[in-house]
């Protein structure tokens, strides 16, 4: 590889002690050689700080953002501290493939590319909810890159040139969701930078395993809709009415469930086919509820400037 810019990997962490061993192992296994990792503890109350203090790899540094409880504030601290000319983001509950950075960075060889989104797939899971999310490709970047307002990449697998942050500012530190879309849209609509999809730059994500976790996830998506509507004017999701929910449930009971049961007996379906409609409706209701109840705070409009110029370690 002749294109080897120095890369800073930034990971916000909140109560991540269970994830840290596997995450660190994945980062240490990267085939791309020219990088550092900034692991930012966002006021965890478990043994995250203890785990971070025990890391001896010189490529990895731990930071502490305890002033603002937000993954975007944690990422901002990483950005301000980073030495790389390209900043790569992932999350504590993600597992990058060994060639993740190598594949994620290559599109930046085109000087017009300012953002690159890699693909997000599911970690192997045994529960029906995990299998449902995998079947639906819930977190695939193919969905966000085709957003009707403007393409964006999720910060579970996203790389951005540091120069882009210098032009539009950092993440909004007081946002609790939707900040990945917000930063991508600000860059793509305020500058000439382009976004690319690196489908072979894969990060595997752990899906939710309980109904409460699933509802919380989709409620947060609804909050994101509301926040991005207030910040960028995007259309809100239309909320289904009672009659529509009733029709979908009756159709499932009277038609879909019997057919899926017969196909399951024949070996032509799985347990997911039995429940996909009610689970989908649960997610839809949670998203609508989140959108309806969310209120964007005045602080959430704040955009922090890029205070410290990032230094390329090759210079």
Protein backbone atom coordinates (compact mmCIF):
# COMPACT_ATOMS: atom_id res chain seq x y z
CA UNK A 1 0.00 0.00 0.00
CA UNK A 2 1.43 3.36 -1.04
CA UNK A 3 -1.36 5.42 0.55
CA UNK A 4 -0.65 5.34 4.30
CA UNK A 5 -1.91 8.50 6.06
CA UNK A 6 -1.74 8.55 9.83
CA UNK A 7 -5.15 7.64 11.27
CA UNK A 8 -6.61 8.28 14.70
CA UNK A 9 -9.27 5.80 15.79
CA UNK A 10 -11.67 7.37 18.31
CA UNK A 11 -13.96 5.25 20.52
CA UNK A 12 -16.36 6.73 23.11
CA UNK A 13 -16.94 4.33 26.00
CA UNK A 14 -19.63 4.28 28.66
CA UNK A 15 -19.69 1.30 31.04
CA UNK A 16 -17.82 -0.78 28.52
CA UNK A 17 -15.85 -3.19 30.71
CA UNK A 18 -17.57 -6.22 29.18
CA UNK A 19 -16.73 -5.06 25.65
CA UNK A 20 -13.20 -3.74 26.12
CA UNK A 21 -11.22 -7.02 25.91
CA UNK A 22 -12.70 -7.99 22.53
CA UNK A 23 -12.66 -4.43 21.21
CA UNK A 24 -9.00 -3.92 22.07
CA UNK A 25 -8.08 -7.27 20.56
CA UNK A 26 -9.78 -6.28 17.30
CA UNK A 27 -8.01 -2.91 17.21
CA UNK A 28 -4.64 -4.52 17.91
CA UNK A 29 -5.25 -6.99 15.07
CA UNK A 30 -5.60 -4.29 12.42
CA UNK A 31 -3.52 -4.91 9.30
CA UNK A 32 -3.15 -1.15 8.77
CA UNK A 33 0.03 -0.10 10.54
CA UNK A 34 -0.04 3.70 10.71
CA UNK A 35 -2.60 4.52 13.40
CA UNK A 36 -3.32 5.39 17.02
CA UNK A 37 -6.37 4.64 19.18
CA UNK A 38 -8.01 7.15 21.51
CA UNK A 39 -10.33 5.41 23.98
CA UNK A 40 -12.51 8.03 25.67
CA UNK A 41 -14.21 7.11 28.94
CA UNK A 42 -17.47 9.06 29.17
CA UNK A 43 -17.96 9.01 32.94
CA UNK A 44 -18.36 5.24 33.30
CA UNK A 45 -19.32 3.84 36.71
CA UNK A 46 -18.10 0.27 36.13
CA UNK A 47 -14.51 -0.99 35.77
CA UNK A 48 -13.90 0.74 32.42
CA UNK A 49 -11.27 3.12 33.87
CA UNK A 50 -9.42 0.20 35.45
CA UNK A 51 -9.37 -1.69 32.16
CA UNK A 52 -8.10 1.36 30.26
CA UNK A 53 -5.33 1.98 32.78
CA UNK A 54 -3.97 -1.53 32.18
CA UNK A 55 -3.48 -1.15 28.42
CA UNK A 56 0.22 -1.18 27.59
CA UNK A 57 0.04 -0.86 23.80
CA UNK A 58 1.83 2.42 22.87
CA UNK A 59 -0.63 2.96 20.03
CA UNK A 60 -3.51 3.28 22.51
CA UNK A 61 -4.25 6.25 24.74
CA UNK A 62 -7.08 6.64 27.22
CA UNK A 63 -8.91 9.93 27.81
CA UNK A 64 -11.68 10.97 30.19
CA UNK A 65 -14.67 13.12 29.28
CA UNK A 66 -16.66 13.48 32.50
CA UNK A 67 -18.07 16.97 32.01
CA UNK A 68 -20.77 16.19 29.43
CA UNK A 69 -22.64 12.86 29.32
CA UNK A 70 -22.75 12.37 25.57
CA UNK A 71 -20.87 10.12 23.17
CA UNK A 72 -20.46 13.14 20.86
CA UNK A 73 -18.72 15.13 23.60
CA UNK A 74 -16.44 12.12 24.14
CA UNK A 75 -15.68 11.98 20.42
CA UNK A 76 -14.92 15.71 20.42
CA UNK A 77 -12.30 15.24 23.12
CA UNK A 78 -10.74 12.53 20.98
CA UNK A 79 -10.79 14.78 17.92
CA UNK A 80 -9.11 17.64 19.79
CA UNK A 81 -6.38 15.27 21.01
CA UNK A 82 -5.89 13.26 17.81
CA UNK A 83 -2.71 13.38 15.74
CA UNK A 84 -4.15 11.81 12.60
CA UNK A 85 -5.11 13.54 9.39
CA UNK A 86 -7.99 11.07 9.09
CA UNK A 87 -10.22 10.26 12.06
CA UNK A 88 -11.96 6.87 12.18
CA UNK A 89 -14.88 6.27 14.54
CA UNK A 90 -16.35 3.12 16.00
CA UNK A 91 -18.09 2.13 19.25
CA UNK A 92 -17.25 -0.05 22.23
CA UNK A 93 -19.89 -2.65 21.33
CA UNK A 94 -18.43 -3.06 17.83
CA UNK A 95 -15.83 -5.51 16.54
CA UNK A 96 -13.84 -4.23 13.53
CA UNK A 97 -12.57 -6.84 11.11
CA UNK A 98 -8.74 -7.05 10.84
CA UNK A 99 -8.70 -5.23 7.48
CA UNK A 100 -11.21 -2.59 8.64
CA UNK A 101 -8.88 0.41 8.64
CA UNK A 102 -7.05 -0.72 5.52
CA UNK A 103 -10.31 -0.81 3.54
CA UNK A 104 -11.85 2.27 5.21
CA UNK A 105 -8.92 4.56 4.44
CA UNK A 106 -8.31 3.74 0.76
CA UNK A 107 -11.12 5.92 -0.69
CA UNK A 108 -9.35 8.97 0.82
CA UNK A 109 -6.68 8.59 -1.87
CA UNK A 110 -9.19 10.63 -3.90
CA UNK A 111 -8.58 14.19 -2.68
CA UNK A 112 -12.27 15.07 -3.14
CA UNK A 113 -13.42 12.49 -0.58
CA UNK A 114 -13.93 13.87 2.91
CA UNK A 115 -16.01 11.09 4.50
CA UNK A 116 -16.05 7.32 4.16
CA UNK A 117 -18.68 5.01 5.65
CA UNK A 118 -17.86 1.34 6.15
CA UNK A 119 -20.44 -1.42 6.45
CA UNK A 120 -22.01 -2.51 9.75
CA UNK A 121 -23.07 -6.12 10.10
CA UNK A 122 -24.29 -8.20 13.04
CA UNK A 123 -22.22 -10.17 15.50
CA UNK A 124 -23.46 -13.77 15.63
CA UNK A 125 -26.44 -14.01 17.98
CA UNK A 126 -28.70 -16.78 19.20
CA UNK A 127 -31.79 -14.84 20.30
CA UNK A 128 -34.72 -14.22 17.97
CA UNK A 129 -34.35 -10.47 18.41
CA UNK A 130 -30.70 -10.58 17.30
CA UNK A 131 -31.62 -12.74 14.33
CA UNK A 132 -34.48 -10.39 13.48
CA UNK A 133 -32.15 -7.37 13.47
CA UNK A 134 -29.67 -9.27 11.32
CA UNK A 135 -32.40 -10.30 8.85
CA UNK A 136 -33.60 -6.69 8.58
CA UNK A 137 -30.01 -5.36 8.27
CA UNK A 138 -31.04 -2.79 10.86
CA UNK A 139 -27.70 -0.99 11.06
CA UNK A 140 -26.54 -1.33 7.46
CA UNK A 141 -25.06 1.87 6.07
CA UNK A 142 -26.95 1.18 2.85
CA UNK A 143 -30.02 2.66 4.58
CA UNK A 144 -28.36 5.83 5.84
CA UNK A 145 -26.42 6.45 2.65
CA UNK A 146 -29.76 6.48 0.82
CA UNK A 147 -31.46 8.90 3.23
CA UNK A 148 -33.91 11.05 1.22
CA UNK A 149 -32.62 14.31 2.71
CA UNK A 150 -28.87 13.69 2.44
CA UNK A 151 -26.53 10.72 2.74
CA UNK A 152 -24.75 10.04 6.00
CA UNK A 153 -22.74 7.37 7.76
CA UNK A 154 -23.21 6.10 11.29
CA UNK A 155 -20.35 6.66 13.72
CA UNK A 156 -20.12 2.94 14.45
CA UNK A 157 -18.11 2.84 11.21
CA UNK A 158 -17.20 6.22 9.81
CA UNK A 159 -14.00 8.07 8.85
CA UNK A 160 -13.70 11.84 8.32
CA UNK A 161 -10.81 14.06 7.27
CA UNK A 162 -9.71 16.31 10.11
CA UNK A 163 -9.81 19.23 7.65
CA UNK A 164 -13.59 18.83 7.43
CA UNK A 165 -13.94 19.41 11.18
CA UNK A 166 -11.82 22.54 10.87
CA UNK A 167 -14.32 23.95 8.39
CA UNK A 168 -17.67 23.08 10.01
CA UNK A 169 -16.80 22.49 13.67
CA UNK A 170 -17.07 19.36 15.77
CA UNK A 171 -20.01 17.18 16.80
CA UNK A 172 -22.76 18.95 18.72
CA UNK A 173 -21.66 17.90 22.24
CA UNK A 174 -25.09 18.11 23.87
CA UNK A 175 -26.90 15.96 21.32
CA UNK A 176 -27.72 12.50 22.63
CA UNK A 177 -28.65 10.98 19.25
CA UNK A 178 -28.58 12.00 15.58
CA UNK A 179 -25.13 13.56 15.78
CA UNK A 180 -23.69 11.32 13.08
CA UNK A 181 -26.24 12.53 10.53
CA UNK A 182 -25.80 16.12 11.69
CA UNK A 183 -22.02 16.17 11.23
CA UNK A 184 -22.19 14.44 7.83
CA UNK A 185 -24.89 16.79 6.58
CA UNK A 186 -22.99 19.88 7.75
CA UNK A 187 -19.87 18.69 5.93
CA UNK A 188 -21.65 17.61 2.74
CA UNK A 189 -23.89 20.69 2.50
CA UNK A 190 -21.39 23.34 3.61
CA UNK A 191 -18.24 22.12 1.85
CA UNK A 192 -17.23 20.44 -1.40
CA UNK A 193 -16.22 17.17 0.31
CA UNK A 194 -17.83 13.97 -0.97
CA UNK A 195 -18.82 10.77 0.85
CA UNK A 196 -17.94 7.23 -0.24
CA UNK A 197 -19.10 3.78 0.84
CA UNK A 198 -16.39 1.22 1.66
CA UNK A 199 -18.50 -1.93 1.72
CA UNK A 200 -15.54 -4.18 2.54
CA UNK A 201 -14.55 -2.11 5.61
CA UNK A 202 -16.67 -4.14 8.02
CA UNK A 203 -17.49 -3.58 11.66
CA UNK A 204 -19.64 -6.13 13.45
CA UNK A 205 -22.14 -4.77 15.96
CA UNK A 206 -23.81 -6.47 18.90
CA UNK A 207 -27.58 -6.29 18.51
CA UNK A 208 -30.10 -5.96 21.34
CA UNK A 209 -31.23 -9.14 23.05
CA UNK A 210 -34.21 -7.95 25.13
CA UNK A 211 -37.45 -6.23 24.19
CA UNK A 212 -36.70 -3.31 26.49
CA UNK A 213 -33.32 -2.76 24.80
CA UNK A 214 -34.94 -3.01 21.36
CA UNK A 215 -37.66 -0.52 22.30
CA UNK A 216 -35.05 1.88 23.69
CA UNK A 217 -33.05 1.64 20.47
CA UNK A 218 -36.03 2.47 18.27
CA UNK A 219 -37.27 5.17 20.63
CA UNK A 220 -33.86 6.78 20.25
CA UNK A 221 -34.26 6.63 16.45
CA UNK A 222 -37.52 8.53 16.87
CA UNK A 223 -35.80 11.15 19.03
CA UNK A 224 -33.18 11.49 16.30
CA UNK A 225 -35.95 12.17 13.76
CA UNK A 226 -37.27 15.01 15.91
CA UNK A 227 -33.85 16.51 16.60
CA UNK A 228 -32.83 16.43 12.93
CA UNK A 229 -36.19 17.93 11.97
CA UNK A 230 -35.53 20.84 14.32
CA UNK A 231 -31.91 21.26 13.22
CA UNK A 232 -32.16 20.60 9.47
CA UNK A 233 -35.86 20.69 8.60
CA UNK A 234 -36.16 17.07 7.51
CA UNK A 235 -39.63 15.53 7.31
CA UNK A 236 -40.93 13.79 10.40
CA UNK A 237 -42.05 10.18 10.19
CA UNK A 238 -45.81 9.82 9.75
CA UNK A 239 -47.23 8.06 12.79
CA UNK A 240 -49.59 5.12 12.04
CA UNK A 241 -53.08 5.42 13.52
CA UNK A 242 -54.97 2.83 15.56
CA UNK A 243 -56.79 1.45 12.51
CA UNK A 244 -53.50 0.79 10.73
CA UNK A 245 -52.04 -1.04 13.72
CA UNK A 246 -55.24 -3.10 14.03
CA UNK A 247 -55.17 -4.04 10.35
CA UNK A 248 -51.53 -5.15 10.54
CA UNK A 249 -52.14 -7.26 13.65
CA UNK A 250 -55.25 -8.93 12.24
CA UNK A 251 -53.48 -9.66 8.96
CA UNK A 252 -50.63 -11.25 10.92
CA UNK A 253 -52.96 -13.38 13.06
CA UNK A 254 -55.26 -14.51 10.25
CA UNK A 255 -52.84 -14.84 7.34
CA UNK A 256 -49.12 -14.33 7.96
CA UNK A 257 -48.74 -16.43 11.11
CA UNK A 258 -50.58 -19.51 9.74
CA UNK A 259 -48.57 -19.41 6.50
CA UNK A 260 -45.29 -18.96 8.38
CA UNK A 261 -46.19 -21.82 10.72
CA UNK A 262 -46.87 -24.15 7.79
CA UNK A 263 -43.60 -23.11 6.14
CA UNK A 264 -41.77 -23.67 9.41
CA UNK A 265 -43.10 -27.24 9.56
CA UNK A 266 -41.98 -27.75 5.96
CA UNK A 267 -38.53 -26.41 6.78
CA UNK A 268 -38.99 -23.38 4.53
CA UNK A 269 -39.11 -20.74 7.30
CA UNK A 270 -37.55 -19.93 10.66
CA UNK A 271 -38.86 -18.68 13.98
CA UNK A 272 -38.18 -15.12 12.86
CA UNK A 273 -40.83 -15.44 10.14
CA UNK A 274 -43.41 -16.12 12.87
CA UNK A 275 -42.72 -12.91 14.78
CA UNK A 276 -41.37 -10.39 12.31
CA UNK A 277 -44.65 -8.47 12.00
CA UNK A 278 -45.29 -7.89 15.74
CA UNK A 279 -41.62 -7.09 16.33
CA UNK A 280 -41.69 -4.66 13.43
CA UNK A 281 -44.80 -2.99 14.83
CA UNK A 282 -43.17 -2.75 18.26
CA UNK A 283 -40.19 -0.96 16.70
CA UNK A 284 -42.48 1.31 14.69
CA UNK A 285 -44.49 2.26 17.78
CA UNK A 286 -41.34 2.93 19.83
CA UNK A 287 -39.92 5.13 17.07
CA UNK A 288 -43.16 7.10 16.80
CA UNK A 289 -43.26 7.49 20.58
CA UNK A 290 -39.67 8.77 20.66
CA UNK A 291 -40.36 11.27 17.87
CA UNK A 292 -43.49 12.51 19.59
CA UNK A 293 -41.94 12.95 23.04
CA UNK A 294 -38.47 14.29 22.14
CA UNK A 295 -37.61 17.93 22.79
CA UNK A 296 -34.42 19.47 21.48
CA UNK A 297 -32.68 21.50 24.17
CA UNK A 298 -31.23 24.93 23.50
CA UNK A 299 -27.78 23.57 24.39
CA UNK A 300 -28.05 20.95 21.64
CA UNK A 301 -27.60 23.70 19.02
CA UNK A 302 -24.05 24.28 20.28
CA UNK A 303 -21.23 23.49 17.87
CA UNK A 304 -17.71 23.36 19.28
CA UNK A 305 -14.90 24.73 17.09
CA UNK A 306 -11.76 22.80 16.22
CA UNK A 307 -9.44 24.40 18.76
CA UNK A 308 -6.22 22.47 18.27
CA UNK A 309 -4.82 21.79 14.82
CA UNK A 310 -4.26 18.09 14.25
CA UNK A 311 -0.71 17.12 13.40
CA UNK A 312 0.15 14.51 10.80
CA UNK A 313 2.71 12.16 12.31
CA UNK A 314 4.33 11.85 8.89
CA UNK A 315 5.38 15.50 8.97
